[in-house]
Amino acid sequence: MADPQAVLEYRRGEFVISTSGARLNLDVIHEFLTNCYWAKGIPRQVVARSIAHSLCFGVYDGGGSQVGFARVVSDFSTVAYLGDVFVLESHRGRGLSKWLMECIMQHPALQNLRRWILLTRDAHGLYSQFGFSPVTAPERYMELHRSNVYDTP
């Protein structure tokens, strides 16, 4: 099995996608997540902890500034959860989201998994290009969703 901790880098034009945790900019990631619909108000320390326990993909421009992010939580054998996928508004429309998904789906440590899971409100078109589809048996799925967890001290 491929080592999920091995750093991989992908290059396309002026952009780089890297799995190096050392390159991640927590300020950029937290700023985006705390203002997005799925993690509104998320505390910085929660973002840091989620990054520490995930396989992360950062997208960087030619100057090395972080412009996108995604993380995968997995046992690297059977299942993976894809979350916190974003490209900053200033860099959208350049195919970076699709390229980010290509890199994630091709990562050697994420091959031959039985199940991938993600949640999205508005990016179905992107994810369907990679084989994601609506849940076929929703009656089998359960969740414990604490929508206001970041509102409490």
Protein backbone atom coordinates (compact mmCIF):
# COMPACT_ATOMS: atom_id res chain seq x y z
CA MET A 1 0.00 0.00 0.00
CA ALA A 2 1.16 3.54 -0.74
CA ASP A 3 2.23 5.66 2.21
CA PRO A 4 -0.45 8.31 2.86
CA GLN A 5 2.15 10.46 4.63
CA ALA A 6 4.45 10.64 1.61
CA VAL A 7 4.43 14.16 0.17
CA LEU A 8 3.20 14.34 -3.41
CA GLU A 9 3.23 17.40 -5.66
CA TYR A 10 1.43 17.97 -8.91
CA ARG A 11 2.19 20.90 -11.25
CA ARG A 12 0.10 22.53 -13.93
CA GLY A 13 1.23 25.83 -15.37
CA GLU A 14 1.91 28.24 -12.52
CA PHE A 15 -0.09 26.16 -10.00
CA VAL A 16 0.98 23.41 -7.62
CA ILE A 17 -1.09 20.95 -5.63
CA SER A 18 0.80 19.50 -2.69
CA THR A 19 0.06 17.10 0.15
CA SER A 20 2.74 18.71 2.31
CA GLY A 21 1.31 19.72 5.65
CA ALA A 22 4.17 22.17 6.10
CA ARG A 23 2.93 24.25 3.15
CA LEU A 24 -0.64 24.64 4.41
CA ASN A 25 -1.65 28.14 5.46
CA LEU A 26 -3.96 27.75 8.45
CA ASP A 27 -4.99 31.41 8.23
CA VAL A 28 -6.28 31.00 4.65
CA ILE A 29 -8.02 27.72 5.42
CA HIS A 30 -9.66 28.96 8.62
CA GLU A 31 -10.73 32.27 7.06
CA PHE A 32 -12.51 30.43 4.26
CA LEU A 33 -14.09 27.72 6.41
CA THR A 34 -15.34 30.00 9.18
CA ASN A 35 -17.28 31.97 6.56
CA CYS A 36 -18.59 29.11 4.38
CA TYR A 37 -22.02 27.51 4.68
CA TRP A 38 -20.83 24.13 5.94
CA ALA A 39 -18.45 25.23 8.72
CA LYS A 40 -19.70 28.71 9.66
CA GLY A 41 -17.97 29.92 12.81
CA ILE A 42 -15.63 26.93 13.11
CA PRO A 43 -12.93 27.66 15.70
CA ARG A 44 -9.34 27.88 14.47
CA GLN A 45 -8.18 25.09 16.82
CA VAL A 46 -10.84 22.75 15.38
CA VAL A 47 -9.60 23.45 11.86
CA ALA A 48 -6.02 22.78 12.99
CA ARG A 49 -7.04 19.48 14.59
CA SER A 50 -9.01 18.40 11.52
CA ILE A 51 -5.98 19.10 9.32
CA ALA A 52 -3.69 17.14 11.66
CA HIS A 53 -5.89 14.06 11.29
CA SER A 54 -6.49 14.20 7.53
CA LEU A 55 -4.70 13.75 4.24
CA CYS A 56 -4.69 17.34 3.01
CA PHE A 57 -4.27 18.83 -0.45
CA GLY A 58 -3.26 22.47 -0.81
CA VAL A 59 -3.50 24.43 -4.05
CA TYR A 60 -0.86 27.15 -4.53
CA ASP A 61 -0.35 29.86 -7.12
CA GLY A 62 2.95 30.77 -8.77
CA GLY A 63 3.95 32.94 -5.82
CA GLY A 64 3.35 30.13 -3.34
CA SER A 65 0.15 31.58 -1.88
CA GLN A 66 -2.52 29.06 -0.96
CA VAL A 67 -5.63 29.42 -3.13
CA GLY A 68 -7.42 26.11 -2.51
CA PHE A 69 -7.75 23.18 -0.16
CA ALA A 70 -9.34 19.78 0.39
CA ARG A 71 -8.96 17.08 2.98
CA VAL A 72 -9.65 13.37 3.08
CA VAL A 73 -10.37 11.36 6.22
CA SER A 74 -9.76 7.68 5.56
CA ASP A 75 -8.65 4.31 6.87
CA PHE A 76 -6.88 3.96 3.48
CA SER A 77 -8.42 0.52 3.05
CA THR A 78 -12.18 0.73 2.72
CA VAL A 79 -13.63 4.22 3.08
CA ALA A 80 -12.85 7.90 2.62
CA TYR A 81 -14.69 11.09 3.52
CA LEU A 82 -13.93 14.08 1.32
CA GLY A 83 -14.48 17.44 2.96
CA ASP A 84 -13.67 21.13 3.13
CA VAL A 85 -13.05 21.39 -0.60
CA PHE A 86 -12.63 24.96 -1.83
CA VAL A 87 -10.88 27.26 -4.25
CA LEU A 88 -10.78 30.93 -3.33
CA GLU A 89 -13.20 33.12 -5.29
CA SER A 90 -10.27 35.01 -6.84
CA HIS A 91 -9.02 31.81 -8.50
CA ARG A 92 -12.25 30.18 -9.63
CA GLY A 93 -12.98 29.56 -13.28
CA ARG A 94 -9.50 28.22 -14.03
CA GLY A 95 -10.24 24.51 -13.69
CA LEU A 96 -8.51 24.26 -10.30
CA SER A 97 -11.40 22.46 -8.56
CA LYS A 98 -11.49 19.80 -11.26
CA TRP A 99 -7.70 19.41 -11.18
CA LEU A 100 -7.80 19.20 -7.37
CA MET A 101 -10.36 16.40 -7.60
CA GLU A 102 -8.24 14.60 -10.21
CA CYS A 103 -5.23 14.71 -7.88
CA ILE A 104 -7.27 13.47 -4.91
CA MET A 105 -8.85 10.62 -6.84
CA GLN A 106 -5.46 9.55 -8.28
CA HIS A 107 -3.60 9.63 -4.96
CA PRO A 108 -1.91 6.22 -4.55
CA ALA A 109 -3.06 5.77 -0.93
CA LEU A 110 -6.71 6.30 -1.92
CA GLN A 111 -7.04 3.60 -4.55
CA ASN A 112 -9.48 0.67 -4.45
CA LEU A 113 -11.58 2.02 -1.60
CA ARG A 114 -15.04 0.51 -1.34
CA ARG A 115 -16.78 3.78 -0.49
CA TRP A 116 -16.27 7.52 -0.79
CA ILE A 117 -18.55 9.92 1.07
CA LEU A 118 -19.05 13.66 0.74
CA LEU A 119 -21.68 16.29 1.39
CA THR A 120 -22.39 19.23 -0.89
CA ARG A 121 -25.10 21.78 -1.38
CA ASP A 122 -24.07 23.13 -4.76
CA ALA A 123 -21.15 21.24 -6.38
CA HIS A 124 -22.92 18.14 -7.66
CA GLY A 125 -21.74 18.85 -11.21
CA LEU A 126 -18.09 18.78 -10.16
CA TYR A 127 -18.30 15.61 -8.08
CA SER A 128 -20.45 13.68 -10.57
CA GLN A 129 -17.54 13.94 -13.05
CA PHE A 130 -15.62 11.68 -10.66
CA GLY A 131 -18.31 9.05 -10.18
CA PHE A 132 -20.11 10.51 -7.17
CA SER A 133 -23.89 10.20 -7.23
CA PRO A 134 -26.80 10.75 -4.88
CA VAL A 135 -27.16 8.09 -2.19
CA THR A 136 -29.04 5.16 -3.71
CA ALA A 137 -30.32 3.76 -0.41
CA PRO A 138 -30.80 6.75 1.91
CA GLU A 139 -32.77 4.58 4.34
CA ARG A 140 -29.48 2.85 5.22
CA TYR A 141 -27.68 6.06 6.17
CA MET A 142 -27.91 7.66 9.57
CA GLU A 143 -26.25 10.71 10.97
CA LEU A 144 -25.80 12.63 14.17
CA HIS A 145 -25.59 16.21 12.95
CA ARG A 146 -24.95 18.98 15.45
CA SER A 147 -25.55 22.00 13.26
CA ASN A 148 -24.87 24.52 16.03
CA VAL A 149 -21.80 22.89 17.58
CA TYR A 150 -19.62 25.96 16.89
CA ASP A 151 -22.13 28.31 18.57
CA THR A 152 -21.45 26.89 22.03
CA PRO A 153 -18.34 27.65 24.10
